[in-house]
PDB file of all heavy atoms in Angstrom:
ATOM      1  N   SER A   1      13.686   2.644  -2.891  1.00  0.00           N
ATOM      2  CA  SER A   1      15.137   2.541  -2.967  1.00  0.00           C
ATOM      3  C   SER A   1      15.756   3.265  -1.775  1.00  0.00           C
ATOM      4  O   SER A   1      15.079   3.954  -1.014  1.00  0.00           O
ATOM      5  CB  SER A   1      15.648   3.139  -4.273  1.00  0.00           C
ATOM      6  OG  SER A   1      15.314   4.510  -4.365  1.00  0.00           O
ATOM      7  N   GLY A   2      17.070   3.113  -1.659  1.00  0.00           N
ATOM      8  CA  GLY A   2      17.770   3.747  -0.551  1.00  0.00           C
ATOM      9  C   GLY A   2      18.018   2.760   0.571  1.00  0.00           C
ATOM     10  O   GLY A   2      18.206   1.577   0.339  1.00  0.00           O
ATOM     11  N   SER A   3      17.967   3.252   1.776  1.00  0.00           N
ATOM     12  CA  SER A   3      18.261   2.416   2.947  1.00  0.00           C
ATOM     13  C   SER A   3      17.036   1.595   3.334  1.00  0.00           C
ATOM     14  O   SER A   3      16.435   1.758   4.398  1.00  0.00           O
ATOM     15  CB  SER A   3      18.695   3.298   4.111  1.00  0.00           C
ATOM     16  OG  SER A   3      19.828   4.064   3.763  1.00  0.00           O
ATOM     17  N   VAL A   4      16.679   0.702   2.431  1.00  0.00           N
ATOM     18  CA  VAL A   4      15.484  -0.119   2.632  1.00  0.00           C
ATOM     19  C   VAL A   4      15.891  -1.505   3.056  1.00  0.00           C
ATOM     20  O   VAL A   4      16.756  -2.123   2.449  1.00  0.00           O
ATOM     21  CB  VAL A   4      14.666  -0.194   1.329  1.00  0.00           C
ATOM     22  CG1 VAL A   4      13.453  -1.081   1.530  1.00  0.00           C
ATOM     23  CG2 VAL A   4      14.250   1.184   0.882  1.00  0.00           C
ATOM     24  N   SER A   5      15.263  -1.986   4.087  1.00  0.00           N
ATOM     25  CA  SER A   5      15.511  -3.360   4.521  1.00  0.00           C
ATOM     26  C   SER A   5      14.204  -3.955   5.013  1.00  0.00           C
ATOM     27  O   SER A   5      13.349  -3.247   5.532  1.00  0.00           O
ATOM     28  CB  SER A   5      16.552  -3.399   5.626  1.00  0.00           C
ATOM     29  OG  SER A   5      16.073  -2.712   6.776  1.00  0.00           O
ATOM     30  N   SER A   6      14.057  -5.231   4.826  1.00  0.00           N
ATOM     31  CA  SER A   6      12.881  -5.956   5.331  1.00  0.00           C
ATOM     32  C   SER A   6      11.583  -5.229   5.007  1.00  0.00           C
ATOM     33  O   SER A   6      10.833  -4.831   5.909  1.00  0.00           O
ATOM     34  CB  SER A   6      12.992  -6.144   6.852  1.00  0.00           C
ATOM     35  OG  SER A   6      14.161  -6.844   7.186  1.00  0.00           O
ATOM     36  N   VAL A   7      11.350  -5.053   3.735  1.00  0.00           N
ATOM     37  CA  VAL A   7      10.094  -4.415   3.337  1.00  0.00           C
ATOM     38  C   VAL A   7       8.979  -5.439   3.510  1.00  0.00           C
ATOM     39  O   VAL A   7       8.949  -6.456   2.844  1.00  0.00           O
ATOM     40  CB  VAL A   7      10.152  -3.929   1.885  1.00  0.00           C
ATOM     41  CG1 VAL A   7       8.799  -3.346   1.470  1.00  0.00           C
ATOM     42  CG2 VAL A   7      11.244  -2.888   1.724  1.00  0.00           C
ATOM     43  N   ASN A   8       8.079  -5.159   4.412  1.00  0.00           N
ATOM     44  CA  ASN A   8       7.043  -6.125   4.749  1.00  0.00           C
ATOM     45  C   ASN A   8       5.813  -5.982   3.875  1.00  0.00           C
ATOM     46  O   ASN A   8       5.296  -6.944   3.325  1.00  0.00           O
ATOM     47  CB  ASN A   8       6.650  -5.973   6.223  1.00  0.00           C
ATOM     48  CG  ASN A   8       7.837  -6.087   7.130  1.00  0.00           C
ATOM     49  OD1 ASN A   8       8.281  -5.112   7.735  1.00  0.00           O
ATOM     50  ND2 ASN A   8       8.397  -7.280   7.213  1.00  0.00           N
ATOM     51  N   VAL A   9       5.337  -4.760   3.761  1.00  0.00           N
ATOM     52  CA  VAL A   9       4.110  -4.491   3.027  1.00  0.00           C
ATOM     53  C   VAL A   9       4.352  -3.319   2.077  1.00  0.00           C
ATOM     54  O   VAL A   9       5.027  -2.354   2.430  1.00  0.00           O
ATOM     55  CB  VAL A   9       2.936  -4.142   3.962  1.00  0.00           C
ATOM     56  CG1 VAL A   9       1.649  -3.917   3.168  1.00  0.00           C
ATOM     57  CG2 VAL A   9       2.736  -5.243   4.992  1.00  0.00           C
ATOM     58  N   MET A  10       3.822  -3.436   0.890  1.00  0.00           N
ATOM     59  CA  MET A  10       3.787  -2.323  -0.055  1.00  0.00           C
ATOM     60  C   MET A  10       2.351  -2.179  -0.534  1.00  0.00           C
ATOM     61  O   MET A  10       1.586  -3.155  -0.542  1.00  0.00           O
ATOM     62  CB  MET A  10       4.719  -2.560  -1.236  1.00  0.00           C
ATOM     63  CG  MET A  10       6.178  -2.683  -0.847  1.00  0.00           C
ATOM     64  SD  MET A  10       7.297  -2.890  -2.261  1.00  0.00           S
ATOM     65  CE  MET A  10       7.266  -1.231  -2.983  1.00  0.00           C
ATOM     66  N   GLY A  11       2.005  -0.985  -0.927  1.00  0.00           N
ATOM     67  CA  GLY A  11       0.630  -0.835  -1.369  1.00  0.00           C
ATOM     68  C   GLY A  11       0.304   0.530  -1.925  1.00  0.00           C
ATOM     69  O   GLY A  11       1.183   1.384  -2.069  1.00  0.00           O
ATOM     70  N   TRP A  12      -0.978   0.684  -2.199  1.00  0.00           N
ATOM     71  CA  TRP A  12      -1.481   1.909  -2.809  1.00  0.00           C
ATOM     72  C   TRP A  12      -2.694   2.426  -2.035  1.00  0.00           C
ATOM     73  O   TRP A  12      -3.577   1.652  -1.649  1.00  0.00           O
ATOM     74  CB  TRP A  12      -1.919   1.643  -4.246  1.00  0.00           C
ATOM     75  CG  TRP A  12      -0.830   1.218  -5.161  1.00  0.00           C
ATOM     76  CD1 TRP A  12      -0.426  -0.057  -5.422  1.00  0.00           C
ATOM     77  CD2 TRP A  12       0.006   2.071  -5.948  1.00  0.00           C
ATOM     78  NE1 TRP A  12       0.609  -0.051  -6.313  1.00  0.00           N
ATOM     79  CE2 TRP A  12       0.897   1.242  -6.657  1.00  0.00           C
ATOM     80  CE3 TRP A  12       0.084   3.456  -6.122  1.00  0.00           C
ATOM     81  CZ2 TRP A  12       1.855   1.747  -7.529  1.00  0.00           C
ATOM     82  CZ3 TRP A  12       1.029   3.956  -6.994  1.00  0.00           C
ATOM     83  CH2 TRP A  12       1.903   3.118  -7.682  1.00  0.00           C
ATOM     84  N   TYR A  13      -2.712   3.725  -1.857  1.00  0.00           N
ATOM     85  CA  TYR A  13      -3.890   4.436  -1.402  1.00  0.00           C
ATOM     86  C   TYR A  13      -4.192   5.497  -2.449  1.00  0.00           C
ATOM     87  O   TYR A  13      -3.351   5.804  -3.285  1.00  0.00           O
ATOM     88  CB  TYR A  13      -3.639   5.111  -0.045  1.00  0.00           C
ATOM     89  CG  TYR A  13      -3.803   4.194   1.144  1.00  0.00           C
ATOM     90  CD1 TYR A  13      -2.897   3.161   1.386  1.00  0.00           C
ATOM     91  CD2 TYR A  13      -4.861   4.356   2.031  1.00  0.00           C
ATOM     92  CE1 TYR A  13      -3.053   2.315   2.477  1.00  0.00           C
ATOM     93  CE2 TYR A  13      -5.023   3.527   3.124  1.00  0.00           C
ATOM     94  CZ  TYR A  13      -4.112   2.516   3.340  1.00  0.00           C
ATOM     95  OH  TYR A  13      -4.270   1.681   4.423  1.00  0.00           O
ATOM     96  N   ARG A  14      -5.377   6.049  -2.394  1.00  0.00           N
ATOM     97  CA  ARG A  14      -5.708   7.136  -3.311  1.00  0.00           C
ATOM     98  C   ARG A  14      -6.513   8.207  -2.595  1.00  0.00           C
ATOM     99  O   ARG A  14      -7.208   7.922  -1.611  1.00  0.00           O
ATOM    100  CB  ARG A  14      -6.484   6.623  -4.523  1.00  0.00           C
ATOM    101  CG  ARG A  14      -7.880   6.101  -4.229  1.00  0.00           C
ATOM    102  CD  ARG A  14      -8.486   5.491  -5.489  1.00  0.00           C
ATOM    103  NE  ARG A  14      -9.857   5.020  -5.266  1.00  0.00           N
ATOM    104  CZ  ARG A  14     -10.557   4.337  -6.156  1.00  0.00           C
ATOM    105  NH1 ARG A  14     -10.021   4.038  -7.349  1.00  0.00           N
ATOM    106  NH2 ARG A  14     -11.792   3.957  -5.880  1.00  0.00           N
ATOM    107  N   GLU A  15      -6.402   9.407  -3.131  1.00  0.00           N
ATOM    108  CA  GLU A  15      -7.074  10.554  -2.527  1.00  0.00           C
ATOM    109  C   GLU A  15      -7.706  11.386  -3.626  1.00  0.00           C
ATOM    110  O   GLU A  15      -7.013  11.947  -4.472  1.00  0.00           O
ATOM    111  CB  GLU A  15      -6.053  11.378  -1.734  1.00  0.00           C
ATOM    112  CG  GLU A  15      -6.659  12.465  -0.877  1.00  0.00           C
ATOM    113  CD  GLU A  15      -5.615  13.082   0.036  1.00  0.00           C
ATOM    114  OE1 GLU A  15      -4.770  12.353   0.590  1.00  0.00           O
ATOM    115  OE2 GLU A  15      -5.626  14.316   0.160  1.00  0.00           O
ATOM    116  N   ALA A  16      -9.024  11.448  -3.593  1.00  0.00           N
ATOM    117  CA  ALA A  16      -9.757  12.276  -4.544  1.00  0.00           C
ATOM    118  C   ALA A  16      -9.989  13.656  -3.923  1.00  0.00           C
ATOM    119  O   ALA A  16      -9.984  13.783  -2.693  1.00  0.00           O
ATOM    120  CB  ALA A  16     -11.085  11.622  -4.892  1.00  0.00           C
ATOM    121  N   PRO A  17     -10.207  14.669  -4.730  1.00  0.00           N
ATOM    122  CA  PRO A  17     -10.414  16.021  -4.188  1.00  0.00           C
ATOM    123  C   PRO A  17     -11.546  16.045  -3.177  1.00  0.00           C
ATOM    124  O   PRO A  17     -12.649  15.555  -3.439  1.00  0.00           O
ATOM    125  CB  PRO A  17     -10.755  16.837  -5.438  1.00  0.00           C
ATOM    126  CG  PRO A  17     -10.097  16.126  -6.549  1.00  0.00           C
ATOM    127  CD  PRO A  17     -10.199  14.673  -6.198  1.00  0.00           C
ATOM    128  N   GLY A  18     -11.263  16.609  -2.012  1.00  0.00           N
ATOM    129  CA  GLY A  18     -12.277  16.744  -0.985  1.00  0.00           C
ATOM    130  C   GLY A  18     -12.601  15.475  -0.220  1.00  0.00           C
ATOM    131  O   GLY A  18     -13.520  15.463   0.594  1.00  0.00           O
ATOM    132  N   LYS A  19     -11.851  14.417  -0.469  1.00  0.00           N
ATOM    133  CA  LYS A  19     -12.119  13.145   0.198  1.00  0.00           C
ATOM    134  C   LYS A  19     -10.903  12.670   0.963  1.00  0.00           C
ATOM    135  O   LYS A  19      -9.782  13.124   0.735  1.00  0.00           O
ATOM    136  CB  LYS A  19     -12.555  12.087  -0.815  1.00  0.00           C
ATOM    137  CG  LYS A  19     -13.863  12.417  -1.523  1.00  0.00           C
ATOM    138  CD  LYS A  19     -14.307  11.274  -2.406  1.00  0.00           C
ATOM    139  CE  LYS A  19     -15.649  11.573  -3.059  1.00  0.00           C
ATOM    140  NZ  LYS A  19     -16.109  10.431  -3.912  1.00  0.00           N
ATOM    141  N   GLN A  20     -11.125  11.726   1.860  1.00  0.00           N
ATOM    142  CA  GLN A  20     -10.008  11.179   2.626  1.00  0.00           C
ATOM    143  C   GLN A  20      -9.213  10.201   1.761  1.00  0.00           C
ATOM    144  O   GLN A  20      -9.692   9.740   0.734  1.00  0.00           O
ATOM    145  CB  GLN A  20     -10.535  10.472   3.872  1.00  0.00           C
ATOM    146  CG  GLN A  20     -11.350   9.217   3.572  1.00  0.00           C
ATOM    147  CD  GLN A  20     -11.867   8.552   4.832  1.00  0.00           C
ATOM    148  OE1 GLN A  20     -11.928   9.152   5.903  1.00  0.00           O
ATOM    149  NE2 GLN A  20     -12.238   7.298   4.734  1.00  0.00           N
ATOM    150  N   ARG A  21      -8.026   9.895   2.240  1.00  0.00           N
ATOM    151  CA  ARG A  21      -7.188   8.926   1.547  1.00  0.00           C
ATOM    152  C   ARG A  21      -7.710   7.525   1.851  1.00  0.00           C
ATOM    153  O   ARG A  21      -7.851   7.145   3.009  1.00  0.00           O
ATOM    154  CB  ARG A  21      -5.742   9.073   2.003  1.00  0.00           C
ATOM    155  CG  ARG A  21      -4.737   8.309   1.160  1.00  0.00           C
ATOM    156  CD  ARG A  21      -3.310   8.646   1.541  1.00  0.00           C
ATOM    157  NE  ARG A  21      -2.970  10.021   1.216  1.00  0.00           N
ATOM    158  CZ  ARG A  21      -1.719  10.503   1.288  1.00  0.00           C
ATOM    159  NH1 ARG A  21      -0.719   9.716   1.644  1.00  0.00           N
ATOM    160  NH2 ARG A  21      -1.491  11.771   0.979  1.00  0.00           N
ATOM    161  N   ASP A  22      -7.993   6.770   0.809  1.00  0.00           N
ATOM    162  CA  ASP A  22      -8.599   5.454   0.961  1.00  0.00           C
ATOM    163  C   ASP A  22      -7.687   4.350   0.456  1.00  0.00           C
ATOM    164  O   ASP A  22      -6.904   4.546  -0.485  1.00  0.00           O
ATOM    165  CB  ASP A  22      -9.919   5.371   0.176  1.00  0.00           C
ATOM    166  CG  ASP A  22     -11.036   6.163   0.809  1.00  0.00           C
ATOM    167  OD1 ASP A  22     -11.017   6.349   2.048  1.00  0.00           O
ATOM    168  OD2 ASP A  22     -11.925   6.615   0.071  1.00  0.00           O
ATOM    169  N   LEU A  23      -7.857   3.184   1.031  1.00  0.00           N
ATOM    170  CA  LEU A  23      -7.112   2.004   0.613  1.00  0.00           C
ATOM    171  C   LEU A  23      -7.483   1.602  -0.798  1.00  0.00           C
ATOM    172  O   LEU A  23      -8.671   1.546  -1.149  1.00  0.00           O
ATOM    173  CB  LEU A  23      -7.403   0.841   1.559  1.00  0.00           C
ATOM    174  CG  LEU A  23      -6.912  -0.534   1.105  1.00  0.00           C
ATOM    175  CD1 LEU A  23      -5.405  -0.625   1.177  1.00  0.00           C
ATOM    176  CD2 LEU A  23      -7.566  -1.639   1.933  1.00  0.00           C
ATOM    177  N   VAL A  24      -6.457   1.305  -1.612  1.00  0.00           N
ATOM    178  CA  VAL A  24      -6.687   0.700  -2.915  1.00  0.00           C
ATOM    179  C   VAL A  24      -6.300  -0.773  -2.849  1.00  0.00           C
ATOM    180  O   VAL A  24      -7.124  -1.662  -3.068  1.00  0.00           O
ATOM    181  CB  VAL A  24      -5.885   1.417  -4.015  1.00  0.00           C
ATOM    182  CG1 VAL A  24      -6.086   0.722  -5.361  1.00  0.00           C
ATOM    183  CG2 VAL A  24      -6.289   2.885  -4.110  1.00  0.00           C
ATOM    184  N   ALA A  25      -5.034  -1.035  -2.537  1.00  0.00           N
ATOM    185  CA  ALA A  25      -4.563  -2.421  -2.472  1.00  0.00           C
ATOM    186  C   ALA A  25      -3.242  -2.482  -1.736  1.00  0.00           C
ATOM    187  O   ALA A  25      -2.457  -1.530  -1.775  1.00  0.00           O
ATOM    188  CB  ALA A  25      -4.403  -2.994  -3.881  1.00  0.00           C
ATOM    189  N   THR A  26      -3.006  -3.614  -1.072  1.00  0.00           N
ATOM    190  CA  THR A  26      -1.728  -3.855  -0.430  1.00  0.00           C
ATOM    191  C   THR A  26      -1.266  -5.266  -0.740  1.00  0.00           C
ATOM    192  O   THR A  26      -2.085  -6.136  -1.083  1.00  0.00           O
ATOM    193  CB  THR A  26      -1.808  -3.683   1.103  1.00  0.00           C
ATOM    194  OG1 THR A  26      -2.722  -4.658   1.625  1.00  0.00           O
ATOM    195  CG2 THR A  26      -2.261  -2.293   1.493  1.00  0.00           C
ATOM    196  N   ILE A  27       0.034  -5.482  -0.602  1.00  0.00           N
ATOM    197  CA  ILE A  27       0.594  -6.806  -0.828  1.00  0.00           C
ATOM    198  C   ILE A  27       1.756  -7.010   0.140  1.00  0.00           C
ATOM    199  O   ILE A  27       2.584  -6.120   0.329  1.00  0.00           O
ATOM    200  CB  ILE A  27       1.037  -6.982  -2.299  1.00  0.00           C
ATOM    201  CG1 ILE A  27       1.508  -8.418  -2.561  1.00  0.00           C
ATOM    202  CG2 ILE A  27       2.090  -5.960  -2.701  1.00  0.00           C
ATOM    203  CD1 ILE A  27       1.633  -8.748  -4.045  1.00  0.00           C
ATOM    204  N   THR A  28       1.790  -8.175   0.769  1.00  0.00           N
ATOM    205  CA  THR A  28       2.863  -8.491   1.700  1.00  0.00           C
ATOM    206  C   THR A  28       4.035  -9.126   0.962  1.00  0.00           C
ATOM    207  O   THR A  28       3.933  -9.481  -0.208  1.00  0.00           O
ATOM    208  CB  THR A  28       2.380  -9.459   2.789  1.00  0.00           C
ATOM    209  OG1 THR A  28       2.183 -10.746   2.172  1.00  0.00           O
ATOM    210  CG2 THR A  28       1.084  -8.984   3.420  1.00  0.00           C
ATOM    211  N   ASN A  29       5.137  -9.295   1.682  1.00  0.00           N
ATOM    212  CA  ASN A  29       6.297  -9.924   1.046  1.00  0.00           C
ATOM    213  C   ASN A  29       6.060 -11.419   0.809  1.00  0.00           C
ATOM    214  O   ASN A  29       6.857 -12.074   0.137  1.00  0.00           O
ATOM    215  CB  ASN A  29       7.566  -9.680   1.855  1.00  0.00           C
ATOM    216  CG  ASN A  29       7.420 -10.070   3.306  1.00  0.00           C
ATOM    217  OD1 ASN A  29       6.341 -10.345   3.784  1.00  0.00           O
ATOM    218  ND2 ASN A  29       8.526 -10.106   4.015  1.00  0.00           N
ATOM    219  N   TYR A  30       4.987 -11.960   1.344  1.00  0.00           N
ATOM    220  CA  TYR A  30       4.617 -13.343   1.067  1.00  0.00           C
ATOM    221  C   TYR A  30       3.558 -13.444  -0.022  1.00  0.00           C
ATOM    222  O   TYR A  30       3.117 -14.542  -0.364  1.00  0.00           O
ATOM    223  CB  TYR A  30       4.098 -14.015   2.345  1.00  0.00           C
ATOM    224  CG  TYR A  30       5.162 -14.154   3.393  1.00  0.00           C
ATOM    225  CD1 TYR A  30       5.191 -13.308   4.503  1.00  0.00           C
ATOM    226  CD2 TYR A  30       6.142 -15.128   3.293  1.00  0.00           C
ATOM    227  CE1 TYR A  30       6.174 -13.430   5.469  1.00  0.00           C
ATOM    228  CE2 TYR A  30       7.125 -15.275   4.258  1.00  0.00           C
ATOM    229  CZ  TYR A  30       7.133 -14.415   5.345  1.00  0.00           C
ATOM    230  OH  TYR A  30       8.112 -14.544   6.301  1.00  0.00           O
ATOM    231  N   GLY A  31       3.166 -12.293  -0.564  1.00  0.00           N
ATOM    232  CA  GLY A  31       2.206 -12.299  -1.656  1.00  0.00           C
ATOM    233  C   GLY A  31       0.753 -12.177  -1.248  1.00  0.00           C
ATOM    234  O   GLY A  31      -0.140 -12.230  -2.101  1.00  0.00           O
ATOM    235  N   GLY A  32       0.490 -12.016   0.027  1.00  0.00           N
ATOM    236  CA  GLY A  32      -0.873 -11.818   0.474  1.00  0.00           C
ATOM    237  C   GLY A  32      -1.392 -10.460   0.052  1.00  0.00           C
ATOM    238  O   GLY A  32      -0.674  -9.464   0.146  1.00  0.00           O
ATOM    239  N   THR A  33      -2.604 -10.416  -0.454  1.00  0.00           N
ATOM    240  CA  THR A  33      -3.157  -9.169  -0.979  1.00  0.00           C
ATOM    241  C   THR A  33      -4.443  -8.771  -0.262  1.00  0.00           C
ATOM    242  O   THR A  33      -5.152  -9.609   0.304  1.00  0.00           O
ATOM    243  CB  THR A  33      -3.452  -9.277  -2.478  1.00  0.00           C
ATOM    244  OG1 THR A  33      -4.365 -10.361  -2.709  1.00  0.00           O
ATOM    245  CG2 THR A  33      -2.179  -9.533  -3.271  1.00  0.00           C
ATOM    246  N   ASN A  34      -4.712  -7.479  -0.319  1.00  0.00           N
ATOM    247  CA  ASN A  34      -5.935  -6.930   0.253  1.00  0.00           C
ATOM    248  C   ASN A  34      -6.363  -5.773  -0.648  1.00  0.00           C
ATOM    249  O   ASN A  34      -5.522  -4.978  -1.078  1.00  0.00           O
ATOM    250  CB  ASN A  34      -5.689  -6.431   1.676  1.00  0.00           C
ATOM    251  CG  ASN A  34      -6.948  -5.932   2.344  1.00  0.00           C
ATOM    252  OD1 ASN A  34      -8.011  -6.535   2.203  1.00  0.00           O
ATOM    253  ND2 ASN A  34      -6.854  -4.835   3.081  1.00  0.00           N
ATOM    254  N   TYR A  35      -7.672  -5.696  -0.932  1.00  0.00           N
ATOM    255  CA  TYR A  35      -8.171  -4.676  -1.845  1.00  0.00           C
ATOM    256  C   TYR A  35      -9.304  -3.883  -1.204  1.00  0.00           C
ATOM    257  O   TYR A  35     -10.101  -4.422  -0.435  1.00  0.00           O
ATOM    258  CB  TYR A  35      -8.699  -5.305  -3.133  1.00  0.00           C
ATOM    259  CG  TYR A  35      -7.649  -5.952  -3.985  1.00  0.00           C
ATOM    260  CD1 TYR A  35      -7.337  -7.294  -3.858  1.00  0.00           C
ATOM    261  CD2 TYR A  35      -6.965  -5.210  -4.947  1.00  0.00           C
ATOM    262  CE1 TYR A  35      -6.361  -7.890  -4.635  1.00  0.00           C
ATOM    263  CE2 TYR A  35      -5.992  -5.793  -5.744  1.00  0.00           C
ATOM    264  CZ  TYR A  35      -5.696  -7.127  -5.579  1.00  0.00           C
ATOM    265  OH  TYR A  35      -4.734  -7.704  -6.369  1.00  0.00           O
ATOM    266  N   GLY A  36      -9.385  -2.610  -1.582  1.00  0.00           N
ATOM    267  CA  GLY A  36     -10.542  -1.831  -1.197  1.00  0.00           C
ATOM    268  C   GLY A  36     -11.772  -2.337  -1.933  1.00  0.00           C
ATOM    269  O   GLY A  36     -11.674  -2.828  -3.064  1.00  0.00           O
TER     270      GLY A  36
END
């Protein structure tokens, strides 16, 4: 929310203790998806 315009991609990453942040899933405004 807020001053948001033309949101192209939204998604999720996750970070477990002691580990790097990894890709979970993303989705484009056209519905294209990508998963870890």
